[in-house]
Amino acid sequence: MRLPRSLALLPLALLVLAVAEIAVFVTAVHTIGALWSILLLGAASIIGLALLRREGIRGWRAFRAAAESGRPPGAQVSNSLIGLLGALLLAVPGFISAVAGLLLIVPPGRILARRAVEHYTERRVSATVASDLFGPRHVKVKQSAPVDDSPPTATDPTGHTAPAEVLQGEVVEGEIVR
């Protein structure tokens, strides 16, 4: 069985991240001192562990509330997953992971990451599944020129012209926007 390319590169990415974390830690030790660097990493890890519990409980409650009220749970689930990932990154010792986790915890970063997750999911699943997960999509309608109501004609293989099938109703052009 062959792994997808992104999973095959994961060990290399983790190795590069570990080397970068060590380099940033050594730089912080030289800049602010060993004690302050260790205290900052310890504080970030403790905050991350506390946030893991809080985000997990909050996410579960939001999912249950959406499911009980009949709303699509996708937005709550993706928001909770982003919060859990941010808390997990804060809990892992390292300055790079702490900054990344902090960016996922604060509201602007969480909103951007949630939209990216939803957009990624919408590209990978059908429109029906995306609608079930994240709710109905909004449509932006563009005004176009009036439609010609004269019956169209078509040419059959013998060369005779015959009226073509006429579509009934109003045609609206548009695109789906989020």
Protein backbone atom coordinates (compact mmCIF):
# COMPACT_ATOMS: atom_id res chain seq x y z
CA MET A 1 0.00 0.00 0.00
CA ARG A 2 1.37 3.35 -1.04
CA LEU A 3 1.06 6.41 1.23
CA PRO A 4 -0.06 9.75 -0.14
CA ARG A 5 2.82 12.13 -0.81
CA SER A 6 1.88 14.45 2.06
CA LEU A 7 2.01 11.59 4.59
CA ALA A 8 5.28 10.30 3.16
CA LEU A 9 6.90 13.70 3.83
CA LEU A 10 5.55 13.96 7.40
CA PRO A 11 8.65 12.45 9.14
CA LEU A 12 10.90 14.86 7.26
CA ALA A 13 8.66 17.81 8.18
CA LEU A 14 8.69 16.80 11.86
CA LEU A 15 12.49 16.52 11.80
CA VAL A 16 12.80 20.00 10.25
CA LEU A 17 10.37 21.36 12.87
CA ALA A 18 12.36 19.79 15.72
CA VAL A 19 15.62 21.31 14.43
CA ALA A 20 13.93 24.70 14.04
CA GLU A 21 12.46 24.50 17.58
CA ILE A 22 15.91 23.73 19.01
CA ALA A 23 17.50 26.61 17.06
CA VAL A 24 14.83 29.06 18.27
CA PHE A 25 15.23 27.82 21.86
CA VAL A 26 19.01 28.29 21.75
CA THR A 27 18.50 31.78 20.32
CA ALA A 28 16.01 32.59 23.11
CA VAL A 29 18.45 31.30 25.75
CA HIS A 30 21.17 33.59 24.39
CA THR A 31 18.75 36.52 24.15
CA ILE A 32 16.72 36.40 27.40
CA GLY A 33 18.51 33.74 29.44
CA ALA A 34 17.95 30.08 30.20
CA LEU A 35 15.65 30.60 33.19
CA TRP A 36 13.28 32.93 31.35
CA SER A 37 13.23 30.67 28.30
CA ILE A 38 12.33 27.63 30.39
CA LEU A 39 9.70 29.61 32.30
CA LEU A 40 8.10 30.83 29.05
CA LEU A 41 7.98 27.31 27.63
CA GLY A 42 6.56 25.95 30.90
CA ALA A 43 3.89 28.66 31.05
CA ALA A 44 2.89 28.05 27.43
CA SER A 45 2.63 24.30 28.07
CA ILE A 46 0.50 24.76 31.20
CA ILE A 47 -1.80 27.20 29.41
CA GLY A 48 -2.04 24.78 26.47
CA LEU A 49 -3.02 21.88 28.75
CA ALA A 50 -5.71 23.98 30.43
CA LEU A 51 -7.03 25.11 27.04
CA LEU A 52 -7.09 21.51 25.76
CA ARG A 53 -9.63 20.59 28.41
CA ARG A 54 -11.68 23.75 27.96
CA GLU A 55 -11.76 23.56 24.15
CA GLY A 56 -12.64 19.87 24.21
CA ILE A 57 -15.60 20.42 26.53
CA ARG A 58 -16.72 23.52 24.63
CA GLY A 59 -16.52 21.70 21.30
CA TRP A 60 -18.51 18.72 22.54
CA ARG A 61 -21.23 20.98 23.96
CA ALA A 62 -21.45 23.00 20.72
CA PHE A 63 -21.68 19.81 18.67
CA ARG A 64 -24.46 18.40 20.87
CA ALA A 65 -26.38 21.69 20.81
CA ALA A 66 -26.21 21.84 17.00
CA ALA A 67 -27.24 18.21 16.66
CA GLU A 68 -30.16 18.57 19.08
CA SER A 69 -31.46 21.72 17.38
CA GLY A 70 -31.20 20.19 13.91
CA ARG A 71 -28.52 22.58 12.66
CA PRO A 72 -25.55 21.33 10.64
CA PRO A 73 -22.73 20.66 13.13
CA GLY A 74 -19.85 21.29 10.72
CA ALA A 75 -19.07 24.87 11.72
CA GLN A 76 -18.97 23.99 15.42
CA VAL A 77 -16.88 20.90 14.77
CA SER A 78 -14.35 22.71 12.59
CA ASN A 79 -14.16 25.60 15.07
CA SER A 80 -13.58 23.14 17.91
CA LEU A 81 -10.95 21.22 15.98
CA ILE A 82 -9.07 24.43 15.25
CA GLY A 83 -9.22 25.35 18.97
CA LEU A 84 -8.05 21.87 20.00
CA LEU A 85 -5.16 22.01 17.52
CA GLY A 86 -4.16 25.44 18.83
CA ALA A 87 -4.28 24.22 22.43
CA LEU A 88 -2.28 21.11 21.52
CA LEU A 89 0.37 23.21 19.80
CA LEU A 90 0.57 25.41 22.89
CA ALA A 91 0.96 22.35 25.11
CA VAL A 92 3.88 21.00 23.06
CA PRO A 93 7.12 22.57 24.29
CA GLY A 94 8.62 24.92 21.73
CA PHE A 95 8.42 28.54 20.75
CA ILE A 96 7.41 27.96 17.12
CA SER A 97 4.59 25.60 18.07
CA ALA A 98 3.49 27.98 20.84
CA VAL A 99 3.22 30.90 18.42
CA ALA A 100 1.33 28.75 15.90
CA GLY A 101 -1.00 27.53 18.67
CA LEU A 102 -1.58 31.06 19.90
CA LEU A 103 -2.49 32.17 16.37
CA LEU A 104 -5.08 29.37 16.19
CA ILE A 105 -6.54 30.27 19.60
CA VAL A 106 -7.13 34.00 19.02
CA PRO A 107 -10.38 34.75 17.15
CA PRO A 108 -8.98 36.22 13.90
CA GLY A 109 -6.62 33.29 13.40
CA ARG A 110 -9.29 30.78 14.33
CA ILE A 111 -11.76 32.29 11.84
CA LEU A 112 -9.21 32.20 9.02
CA ALA A 113 -8.20 28.62 9.83
CA ARG A 114 -11.84 27.51 10.10
CA ARG A 115 -12.65 29.00 6.70
CA ALA A 116 -9.61 27.25 5.23
CA VAL A 117 -10.72 23.92 6.73
CA GLU A 118 -14.26 24.39 5.43
CA HIS A 119 -13.01 25.38 1.97
CA TYR A 120 -10.67 22.36 1.88
CA THR A 121 -13.51 20.06 2.95
CA GLU A 122 -15.92 21.54 0.40
CA ARG A 123 -13.43 20.83 -2.39
CA ARG A 124 -12.99 17.21 -1.26
CA VAL A 125 -16.65 16.21 -0.74
CA SER A 126 -19.83 16.59 -2.79
CA ALA A 127 -22.01 19.69 -2.54
CA THR A 128 -24.69 17.70 -0.72
CA VAL A 129 -22.29 16.52 1.98
CA ALA A 130 -20.84 20.03 2.35
CA SER A 131 -24.37 21.38 2.72
CA ASP A 132 -25.13 18.77 5.38
CA LEU A 133 -21.93 19.63 7.25
CA PHE A 134 -21.81 23.41 7.04
CA GLY A 135 -25.36 24.41 6.14
CA PRO A 136 -26.73 25.82 2.91
CA ARG A 137 -24.40 27.79 0.70
CA HIS A 138 -25.18 31.39 -0.11
CA VAL A 139 -25.57 32.37 -3.75
CA LYS A 140 -24.55 35.69 -5.29
CA VAL A 141 -26.81 36.47 -8.27
CA LYS A 142 -25.62 38.45 -11.27
CA GLN A 143 -28.03 40.48 -13.38
CA SER A 144 -27.79 39.45 -17.03
CA ALA A 145 -29.38 40.42 -20.32
CA PRO A 146 -33.00 39.33 -20.90
CA VAL A 147 -33.54 35.88 -22.35
CA ASP A 148 -34.83 35.64 -25.93
CA ASP A 149 -38.31 34.05 -25.72
CA SER A 150 -38.50 33.05 -29.39
CA PRO A 151 -38.53 29.26 -29.77
CA PRO A 152 -35.12 27.95 -30.74
CA THR A 153 -34.71 25.76 -33.77
CA ALA A 154 -32.51 22.73 -34.32
CA THR A 155 -31.36 20.92 -37.42
CA ASP A 156 -31.96 17.17 -37.53
CA PRO A 157 -29.64 14.74 -39.42
CA THR A 158 -31.78 15.00 -42.59
CA GLY A 159 -31.22 18.75 -42.77
CA HIS A 160 -34.75 19.79 -41.80
CA THR A 161 -35.25 22.54 -39.24
CA ALA A 162 -37.46 21.68 -36.31
CA PRO A 163 -38.30 23.50 -33.08
CA ALA A 164 -35.88 22.52 -30.36
CA GLU A 165 -36.87 21.70 -26.80
CA VAL A 166 -37.77 24.89 -24.93
CA LEU A 167 -36.81 25.31 -21.29
CA GLN A 168 -39.57 26.78 -19.17
CA GLY A 169 -38.96 29.15 -16.28
CA GLU A 170 -36.53 31.91 -15.48
CA VAL A 171 -32.78 31.35 -15.86
CA VAL A 172 -30.62 32.90 -13.16
CA GLU A 173 -26.85 32.93 -13.50
CA GLY A 174 -24.79 33.09 -10.35
CA GLU A 175 -21.95 31.72 -8.30
CA ILE A 176 -21.78 30.21 -4.85
CA VAL A 177 -20.03 32.41 -2.31
CA ARG A 178 -19.26 31.88 1.33
